Amino acid sequence: LIAGDGPWGSRYRELAPNVKVVGPLSSAQLGDFYNALDIFVNPTLRAQGLDHTLMEAMLCGKPLLASHFSSITKSVVVSGDFGYTFSPRLESLRVALVRVIEDGKWILEKKGAACRSRAQELFTAVKMASAYERLFLCIARGNATGFDFCKYPFPL
C-alpha cells in the first residue's frame, strides 16, 4: 500500500497487482491510512530533514522500517525498539523485510507501542512548536538574559 505520488508514482503503479497505490491523501485520510498498516516503510534514497511521515506513523503506533541515514537514526528511529533500518539498497531492504516477517505480529505491536510513546513524548504539535521556539530563542538571545534556553532538556 503506497500513499503519495511524486516522481516515482508511475513506477509504483507498474507494480500492480502486487502493490496498491492510493495516491496523495488529505490530512483527514492519513489516520485511516496509517491504521491500515502493520509497519510503515519509508525507503528514501537520500538523507533528508526531519521526516514528518515517520513521526505521523509513530503517533499512530506503527513501527518503522526506514533507510539508514543519520537524519533518521539520530532523530526518529534511534534504536531497534522503534523499528528497523536498512541501507538504501534493494538487498538490504529485502533482508529487513524478511526480519519484519520473522519477528511477527507481537514484536511489531511492541515496537509500535514504543513508537507511540516516544512520539507522544517528543513529536506532538505542542512539543514540536515548543522545541522550535526554544531553538529560535537560543539563536536570538543566547545566554544574554541569564537564562539558558539552549540547555537540554529544558527545565520546566
N, C-alpha and C. Protein backbone atom coordinates (compact mmCIF):
# COMPACT_ATOMS: atom_id res chain seq x y z
N LEU A 1 0.86 -1.17 0.00
CA LEU A 1 0.00 0.00 0.00
C LEU A 1 0.90 1.22 0.00
N ILE A 2 0.78 2.05 -1.02
CA ILE A 2 1.63 3.23 -1.15
C ILE A 2 0.75 4.47 -1.23
N ALA A 3 1.04 5.43 -0.37
CA ALA A 3 0.36 6.72 -0.42
C ALA A 3 1.32 7.75 -0.98
N GLY A 4 0.77 8.79 -1.55
CA GLY A 4 1.59 9.84 -2.12
C GLY A 4 1.80 9.62 -3.60
N ASP A 5 2.62 10.47 -4.16
CA ASP A 5 2.85 10.38 -5.60
C ASP A 5 4.30 10.72 -5.86
N GLY A 6 4.57 11.84 -6.42
CA GLY A 6 5.93 12.25 -6.68
C GLY A 6 6.51 11.59 -7.90
N PRO A 7 7.82 11.70 -8.07
CA PRO A 7 8.47 11.23 -9.29
C PRO A 7 8.41 9.72 -9.50
N TRP A 8 8.17 8.96 -8.45
CA TRP A 8 8.13 7.50 -8.58
C TRP A 8 6.71 6.97 -8.74
N GLY A 9 5.72 7.82 -8.74
CA GLY A 9 4.32 7.39 -8.79
C GLY A 9 4.00 6.44 -9.93
N SER A 10 4.46 6.76 -11.14
CA SER A 10 4.15 5.89 -12.28
C SER A 10 4.85 4.54 -12.15
N ARG A 11 6.05 4.53 -11.59
CA ARG A 11 6.77 3.26 -11.39
C ARG A 11 6.04 2.38 -10.38
N TYR A 12 5.51 3.00 -9.32
CA TYR A 12 4.75 2.23 -8.33
C TYR A 12 3.53 1.59 -8.97
N ARG A 13 2.84 2.34 -9.81
CA ARG A 13 1.63 1.82 -10.45
C ARG A 13 1.94 0.63 -11.36
N GLU A 14 3.15 0.58 -11.90
CA GLU A 14 3.55 -0.54 -12.76
C GLU A 14 3.66 -1.85 -11.97
N LEU A 15 3.76 -1.76 -10.66
CA LEU A 15 3.91 -2.94 -9.82
C LEU A 15 2.57 -3.63 -9.52
N ALA A 16 1.48 -3.05 -9.97
CA ALA A 16 0.16 -3.66 -9.76
C ALA A 16 0.15 -5.03 -10.44
N PRO A 17 -0.54 -6.00 -9.93
CA PRO A 17 -1.48 -6.00 -8.81
C PRO A 17 -0.83 -6.28 -7.46
N ASN A 18 0.50 -6.36 -7.40
CA ASN A 18 1.19 -6.66 -6.14
C ASN A 18 1.25 -5.47 -5.20
N VAL A 19 1.08 -4.28 -5.74
CA VAL A 19 1.16 -3.05 -4.95
C VAL A 19 -0.07 -2.21 -5.25
N LYS A 20 -0.67 -1.68 -4.20
CA LYS A 20 -1.80 -0.77 -4.38
C LYS A 20 -1.32 0.64 -4.10
N VAL A 21 -1.52 1.53 -5.06
CA VAL A 21 -1.14 2.94 -4.91
C VAL A 21 -2.42 3.74 -4.70
N VAL A 22 -2.53 4.40 -3.56
CA VAL A 22 -3.72 5.20 -3.27
C VAL A 22 -3.53 6.66 -3.63
N GLY A 23 -2.31 7.05 -3.97
CA GLY A 23 -2.05 8.43 -4.37
C GLY A 23 -1.99 9.37 -3.18
N PRO A 24 -2.01 10.67 -3.45
CA PRO A 24 -1.96 11.66 -2.37
C PRO A 24 -3.18 11.55 -1.46
N LEU A 25 -2.97 11.75 -0.17
CA LEU A 25 -4.05 11.67 0.81
C LEU A 25 -4.24 13.02 1.48
N SER A 26 -5.47 13.32 1.84
CA SER A 26 -5.75 14.52 2.62
C SER A 26 -5.39 14.26 4.07
N SER A 27 -5.28 15.31 4.85
CA SER A 27 -4.99 15.16 6.28
C SER A 27 -6.03 14.28 6.96
N ALA A 28 -7.28 14.41 6.54
CA ALA A 28 -8.36 13.63 7.14
C ALA A 28 -8.23 12.14 6.85
N GLN A 29 -7.55 11.77 5.77
CA GLN A 29 -7.41 10.37 5.38
C GLN A 29 -6.18 9.69 5.99
N LEU A 30 -5.26 10.47 6.53
CA LEU A 30 -3.99 9.90 7.00
C LEU A 30 -4.16 8.89 8.12
N GLY A 31 -5.02 9.17 9.08
CA GLY A 31 -5.22 8.24 10.19
C GLY A 31 -5.66 6.86 9.71
N ASP A 32 -6.62 6.84 8.80
CA ASP A 32 -7.09 5.56 8.25
C ASP A 32 -5.98 4.84 7.50
N PHE A 33 -5.17 5.60 6.77
CA PHE A 33 -4.05 5.00 6.03
C PHE A 33 -3.07 4.34 7.00
N TYR A 34 -2.60 5.10 7.99
CA TYR A 34 -1.63 4.54 8.94
C TYR A 34 -2.23 3.36 9.70
N ASN A 35 -3.48 3.45 10.08
CA ASN A 35 -4.10 2.37 10.85
C ASN A 35 -4.30 1.10 10.03
N ALA A 36 -4.23 1.19 8.71
CA ALA A 36 -4.35 0.01 7.85
C ALA A 36 -3.03 -0.76 7.74
N LEU A 37 -1.96 -0.19 8.25
CA LEU A 37 -0.62 -0.77 8.10
C LEU A 37 -0.22 -1.60 9.31
N ASP A 38 0.62 -2.62 9.06
CA ASP A 38 1.29 -3.34 10.14
C ASP A 38 2.60 -2.66 10.49
N ILE A 39 3.24 -2.07 9.49
CA ILE A 39 4.51 -1.38 9.65
C ILE A 39 4.57 -0.29 8.59
N PHE A 40 5.19 0.84 8.94
CA PHE A 40 5.34 1.93 7.99
C PHE A 40 6.74 1.86 7.39
N VAL A 41 6.81 1.76 6.08
CA VAL A 41 8.09 1.64 5.37
C VAL A 41 8.37 2.94 4.65
N ASN A 42 9.55 3.49 4.87
CA ASN A 42 9.97 4.73 4.22
C ASN A 42 11.33 4.48 3.56
N PRO A 43 11.32 4.01 2.32
CA PRO A 43 12.58 3.64 1.66
C PRO A 43 13.22 4.80 0.89
N THR A 44 13.52 5.88 1.58
CA THR A 44 14.11 7.03 0.90
C THR A 44 15.53 6.70 0.43
N LEU A 45 15.91 7.29 -0.68
CA LEU A 45 17.23 7.03 -1.26
C LEU A 45 18.26 8.08 -0.89
N ARG A 46 17.84 9.12 -0.17
CA ARG A 46 18.78 10.18 0.19
C ARG A 46 18.45 10.73 1.58
N ALA A 47 19.46 11.28 2.20
CA ALA A 47 19.26 11.90 3.51
C ALA A 47 18.34 13.10 3.35
N GLN A 48 17.55 13.34 4.37
CA GLN A 48 16.63 14.47 4.35
C GLN A 48 16.49 15.01 5.76
N GLY A 49 15.72 16.07 5.91
CA GLY A 49 15.49 16.63 7.23
C GLY A 49 14.59 15.72 8.05
N LEU A 50 14.06 16.25 9.10
CA LEU A 50 13.17 15.50 9.98
C LEU A 50 11.92 15.10 9.20
N ASP A 51 11.71 13.82 9.02
CA ASP A 51 10.65 13.31 8.16
C ASP A 51 9.32 13.23 8.90
N HIS A 52 8.37 14.04 8.48
CA HIS A 52 7.07 14.09 9.16
C HIS A 52 6.29 12.80 9.02
N THR A 53 6.46 12.08 7.90
CA THR A 53 5.70 10.84 7.75
C THR A 53 6.11 9.81 8.80
N LEU A 54 7.39 9.78 9.15
CA LEU A 54 7.84 8.86 10.20
C LEU A 54 7.20 9.23 11.54
N MET A 55 7.17 10.53 11.83
CA MET A 55 6.57 10.97 13.10
C MET A 55 5.07 10.70 13.12
N GLU A 56 4.39 10.90 11.99
CA GLU A 56 2.95 10.61 11.92
C GLU A 56 2.69 9.13 12.17
N ALA A 57 3.48 8.28 11.53
CA ALA A 57 3.31 6.83 11.72
C ALA A 57 3.54 6.45 13.18
N MET A 58 4.55 7.04 13.80
CA MET A 58 4.82 6.76 15.21
C MET A 58 3.64 7.17 16.08
N LEU A 59 3.09 8.36 15.82
CA LEU A 59 1.94 8.82 16.61
C LEU A 59 0.74 7.88 16.46
N CYS A 60 0.67 7.18 15.33
CA CYS A 60 -0.40 6.18 15.12
C CYS A 60 -0.01 4.81 15.67
N GLY A 61 1.15 4.72 16.31
CA GLY A 61 1.56 3.46 16.93
C GLY A 61 2.08 2.43 15.95
N LYS A 62 2.68 2.89 14.86
CA LYS A 62 3.21 1.96 13.86
C LYS A 62 4.72 1.86 13.98
N PRO A 63 5.26 0.65 13.98
CA PRO A 63 6.72 0.50 13.93
C PRO A 63 7.22 0.97 12.57
N LEU A 64 8.50 1.28 12.50
CA LEU A 64 9.08 1.88 11.31
C LEU A 64 10.11 0.97 10.65
N LEU A 65 10.16 1.04 9.34
CA LEU A 65 11.23 0.44 8.54
C LEU A 65 11.71 1.56 7.65
N ALA A 66 12.91 2.07 7.93
CA ALA A 66 13.37 3.27 7.25
C ALA A 66 14.83 3.15 6.82
N SER A 67 15.17 3.92 5.82
CA SER A 67 16.55 3.95 5.33
C SER A 67 17.49 4.41 6.44
N HIS A 68 18.67 3.83 6.45
CA HIS A 68 19.66 4.14 7.49
C HIS A 68 20.46 5.38 7.10
N PHE A 69 19.91 6.53 7.42
CA PHE A 69 20.60 7.81 7.27
C PHE A 69 20.60 8.47 8.63
N SER A 70 21.64 9.24 8.93
CA SER A 70 21.72 9.85 10.25
C SER A 70 20.54 10.78 10.51
N SER A 71 19.96 11.38 9.47
CA SER A 71 18.79 12.24 9.68
C SER A 71 17.61 11.44 10.24
N ILE A 72 17.63 10.14 10.06
CA ILE A 72 16.57 9.27 10.58
C ILE A 72 17.02 8.58 11.87
N THR A 73 18.21 8.01 11.87
CA THR A 73 18.66 7.22 13.02
C THR A 73 19.09 8.08 14.21
N LYS A 74 19.37 9.35 14.00
CA LYS A 74 19.76 10.22 15.11
C LYS A 74 18.58 11.01 15.66
N SER A 75 17.41 10.90 15.01
CA SER A 75 16.28 11.70 15.48
C SER A 75 14.99 10.89 15.66
N VAL A 76 14.75 9.91 14.83
CA VAL A 76 13.47 9.21 14.87
C VAL A 76 13.65 7.74 15.25
N VAL A 77 14.25 6.95 14.39
CA VAL A 77 14.48 5.53 14.67
C VAL A 77 15.83 5.41 15.38
N VAL A 78 15.86 5.86 16.62
CA VAL A 78 17.13 5.93 17.35
C VAL A 78 17.56 4.59 17.93
N SER A 79 16.68 3.61 17.92
CA SER A 79 17.06 2.27 18.38
C SER A 79 16.14 1.24 17.75
N GLY A 80 16.51 -0.01 17.90
CA GLY A 80 15.70 -1.10 17.39
C GLY A 80 14.35 -1.23 18.08
N ASP A 81 14.17 -0.53 19.19
CA ASP A 81 12.88 -0.56 19.89
C ASP A 81 11.75 0.01 19.04
N PHE A 82 12.10 0.87 18.08
CA PHE A 82 11.09 1.58 17.29
C PHE A 82 10.90 1.00 15.90
N GLY A 83 11.77 0.09 15.51
CA GLY A 83 11.62 -0.49 14.18
C GLY A 83 12.94 -0.98 13.63
N TYR A 84 13.10 -0.81 12.35
CA TYR A 84 14.22 -1.39 11.62
C TYR A 84 14.78 -0.36 10.65
N THR A 85 16.08 -0.47 10.39
CA THR A 85 16.68 0.38 9.36
C THR A 85 17.41 -0.51 8.36
N PHE A 86 17.63 0.04 7.19
CA PHE A 86 18.34 -0.67 6.13
C PHE A 86 19.08 0.35 5.29
N SER A 87 20.21 -0.08 4.71
CA SER A 87 20.89 0.82 3.79
C SER A 87 20.07 0.89 2.51
N PRO A 88 20.10 2.01 1.82
CA PRO A 88 19.22 2.20 0.67
C PRO A 88 19.63 1.39 -0.56
N ARG A 89 19.56 0.09 -0.39
CA ARG A 89 19.83 -0.86 -1.49
C ARG A 89 18.75 -1.93 -1.42
N LEU A 90 18.40 -2.46 -2.55
CA LEU A 90 17.31 -3.43 -2.63
C LEU A 90 17.56 -4.65 -1.75
N GLU A 91 18.77 -5.19 -1.78
CA GLU A 91 19.06 -6.39 -0.98
C GLU A 91 18.92 -6.10 0.51
N SER A 92 19.38 -4.94 0.94
CA SER A 92 19.26 -4.57 2.35
C SER A 92 17.79 -4.43 2.76
N LEU A 93 16.99 -3.85 1.89
CA LEU A 93 15.55 -3.74 2.16
C LEU A 93 14.92 -5.13 2.23
N ARG A 94 15.29 -6.02 1.33
CA ARG A 94 14.76 -7.38 1.34
C ARG A 94 15.08 -8.09 2.65
N VAL A 95 16.33 -7.99 3.10
CA VAL A 95 16.74 -8.62 4.35
C VAL A 95 15.94 -8.04 5.53
N ALA A 96 15.75 -6.73 5.53
CA ALA A 96 14.99 -6.10 6.61
C ALA A 96 13.53 -6.55 6.59
N LEU A 97 12.95 -6.67 5.41
CA LEU A 97 11.56 -7.14 5.31
C LEU A 97 11.41 -8.58 5.80
N VAL A 98 12.39 -9.42 5.50
CA VAL A 98 12.37 -10.80 6.00
C VAL A 98 12.40 -10.78 7.53
N ARG A 99 13.22 -9.92 8.10
CA ARG A 99 13.30 -9.83 9.56
C ARG A 99 11.97 -9.38 10.16
N VAL A 100 11.31 -8.42 9.51
CA VAL A 100 10.00 -7.97 9.97
C VAL A 100 9.03 -9.16 10.01
N ILE A 101 9.02 -9.93 8.95
CA ILE A 101 8.12 -11.09 8.86
C ILE A 101 8.47 -12.12 9.93
N GLU A 102 9.76 -12.38 10.11
CA GLU A 102 10.20 -13.35 11.11
C GLU A 102 9.87 -12.89 12.53
N ASP A 103 9.98 -11.60 12.79
CA ASP A 103 9.67 -11.08 14.13
C ASP A 103 8.20 -11.27 14.47
N GLY A 104 7.34 -11.13 13.50
CA GLY A 104 5.92 -11.40 13.72
C GLY A 104 5.14 -10.27 14.36
N LYS A 105 3.86 -10.52 14.47
CA LYS A 105 2.90 -9.51 14.90
C LYS A 105 3.17 -8.99 16.31
N TRP A 106 3.49 -9.88 17.25
CA TRP A 106 3.68 -9.46 18.64
C TRP A 106 4.83 -8.46 18.75
N ILE A 107 5.94 -8.74 18.11
CA ILE A 107 7.10 -7.83 18.15
C ILE A 107 6.74 -6.50 17.48
N LEU A 108 6.03 -6.57 16.35
CA LEU A 108 5.63 -5.33 15.67
C LEU A 108 4.72 -4.49 16.57
N GLU A 109 3.81 -5.13 17.26
CA GLU A 109 2.92 -4.39 18.17
C GLU A 109 3.71 -3.76 19.32
N LYS A 110 4.70 -4.49 19.83
CA LYS A 110 5.54 -3.96 20.90
C LYS A 110 6.34 -2.74 20.41
N LYS A 111 6.93 -2.85 19.23
CA LYS A 111 7.66 -1.72 18.65
C LYS A 111 6.72 -0.55 18.36
N GLY A 112 5.51 -0.86 17.89
CA GLY A 112 4.52 0.18 17.62
C GLY A 112 4.14 0.94 18.88
N ALA A 113 3.98 0.22 19.99
CA ALA A 113 3.66 0.86 21.26
C ALA A 113 4.81 1.76 21.71
N ALA A 114 6.04 1.30 21.52
CA ALA A 114 7.21 2.13 21.86
C ALA A 114 7.25 3.38 20.98
N CYS A 115 6.89 3.21 19.72
CA CYS A 115 6.85 4.36 18.80
C CYS A 115 5.83 5.39 19.28
N ARG A 116 4.64 4.93 19.61
CA ARG A 116 3.60 5.86 20.06
C ARG A 116 4.05 6.61 21.31
N SER A 117 4.63 5.89 22.25
CA SER A 117 5.08 6.51 23.49
C SER A 117 6.15 7.58 23.21
N ARG A 118 7.13 7.23 22.40
CA ARG A 118 8.19 8.20 22.06
C ARG A 118 7.61 9.39 21.30
N ALA A 119 6.72 9.14 20.38
CA ALA A 119 6.14 10.23 19.59
C ALA A 119 5.33 11.17 20.47
N GLN A 120 4.58 10.62 21.42
CA GLN A 120 3.81 11.48 22.32
C GLN A 120 4.72 12.28 23.24
N GLU A 121 5.88 11.72 23.53
CA GLU A 121 6.85 12.41 24.37
C GLU A 121 7.55 13.54 23.62
N LEU A 122 7.80 13.35 22.31
CA LEU A 122 8.63 14.30 21.57
C LEU A 122 7.98 14.98 20.38
N PHE A 123 7.02 14.34 19.72
CA PHE A 123 6.62 14.79 18.40
C PHE A 123 5.19 15.32 18.28
N THR A 124 4.50 15.58 19.37
CA THR A 124 3.18 16.19 19.23
C THR A 124 3.37 17.62 18.74
N ALA A 125 2.30 18.22 18.23
CA ALA A 125 2.38 19.58 17.70
C ALA A 125 2.87 20.55 18.78
N VAL A 126 2.35 20.42 20.00
CA VAL A 126 2.75 21.31 21.09
C VAL A 126 4.23 21.13 21.42
N LYS A 127 4.70 19.88 21.50
CA LYS A 127 6.11 19.63 21.82
C LYS A 127 7.02 20.16 20.72
N MET A 128 6.64 19.94 19.46
CA MET A 128 7.47 20.40 18.34
C MET A 128 7.51 21.92 18.30
N ALA A 129 6.36 22.57 18.50
CA ALA A 129 6.33 24.04 18.50
C ALA A 129 7.19 24.59 19.62
N SER A 130 7.12 23.97 20.79
CA SER A 130 7.94 24.39 21.92
C SER A 130 9.42 24.21 21.62
N ALA A 131 9.78 23.11 21.00
CA ALA A 131 11.19 22.87 20.66
C ALA A 131 11.70 23.90 19.66
N TYR A 132 10.89 24.22 18.66
CA TYR A 132 11.29 25.25 17.69
C TYR A 132 11.40 26.61 18.36
N GLU A 133 10.46 26.92 19.26
CA GLU A 133 10.53 28.18 19.99
C GLU A 133 11.84 28.27 20.77
N ARG A 134 12.19 27.20 21.47
CA ARG A 134 13.44 27.18 22.23
C ARG A 134 14.64 27.36 21.32
N LEU A 135 14.62 26.72 20.17
CA LEU A 135 15.72 26.86 19.22
C LEU A 135 15.87 28.31 18.79
N PHE A 136 14.75 28.94 18.44
CA PHE A 136 14.80 30.33 17.99
C PHE A 136 15.25 31.26 19.11
N LEU A 137 14.78 31.02 20.34
CA LEU A 137 15.23 31.81 21.48
C LEU A 137 16.72 31.61 21.73
N CYS A 138 17.17 30.39 21.60
CA CYS A 138 18.59 30.08 21.78
C CYS A 138 19.42 30.87 20.77
N ILE A 139 18.99 30.86 19.53
CA ILE A 139 19.72 31.56 18.48
C ILE A 139 19.66 33.07 18.71
N ALA A 140 18.47 33.58 19.01
CA ALA A 140 18.27 35.03 19.13
C ALA A 140 18.90 35.62 20.38
N ARG A 141 18.77 34.93 21.49
CA ARG A 141 19.18 35.51 22.77
C ARG A 141 20.47 34.95 23.33
N GLY A 142 20.78 33.74 22.93
CA GLY A 142 21.94 33.11 23.55
C GLY A 142 21.74 33.05 25.04
N ASN A 143 22.74 33.39 25.79
CA ASN A 143 22.64 33.38 27.24
C ASN A 143 22.62 34.80 27.79
N ALA A 144 22.27 35.78 26.95
CA ALA A 144 22.30 37.19 27.35
C ALA A 144 21.31 37.50 28.46
N THR A 145 20.23 36.75 28.57
CA THR A 145 19.21 37.03 29.58
C THR A 145 19.55 36.39 30.93
N GLY A 146 20.60 35.60 30.98
CA GLY A 146 20.92 34.89 32.20
C GLY A 146 20.18 33.57 32.31
N PHE A 147 19.30 33.30 31.37
CA PHE A 147 18.56 32.04 31.35
C PHE A 147 18.97 31.29 30.10
N ASP A 148 19.45 30.09 30.27
CA ASP A 148 19.99 29.34 29.14
C ASP A 148 18.90 28.56 28.42
N PHE A 149 18.37 29.15 27.33
CA PHE A 149 17.35 28.48 26.53
C PHE A 149 17.93 27.31 25.75
N CYS A 150 19.26 27.25 25.66
CA CYS A 150 19.90 26.20 24.87
C CYS A 150 20.13 24.92 25.67
N LYS A 151 19.92 24.97 26.97
CA LYS A 151 20.14 23.79 27.81
C LYS A 151 19.11 22.72 27.48
N TYR A 152 19.59 21.48 27.38
CA TYR A 152 18.68 20.37 27.10
C TYR A 152 18.90 19.28 28.13
N PRO A 153 17.89 18.67 28.70
CA PRO A 153 16.48 19.02 28.50
C PRO A 153 16.14 20.32 29.20
N PHE A 154 15.17 21.00 28.66
CA PHE A 154 14.75 22.30 29.17
C PHE A 154 14.03 22.12 30.50
N PRO A 155 14.48 22.80 31.56
CA PRO A 155 13.80 22.65 32.85
C PRO A 155 12.43 23.31 32.80
N LEU A 156 11.42 22.58 33.23
CA LEU A 156 10.05 23.13 33.20
C LEU A 156 9.70 23.80 34.50
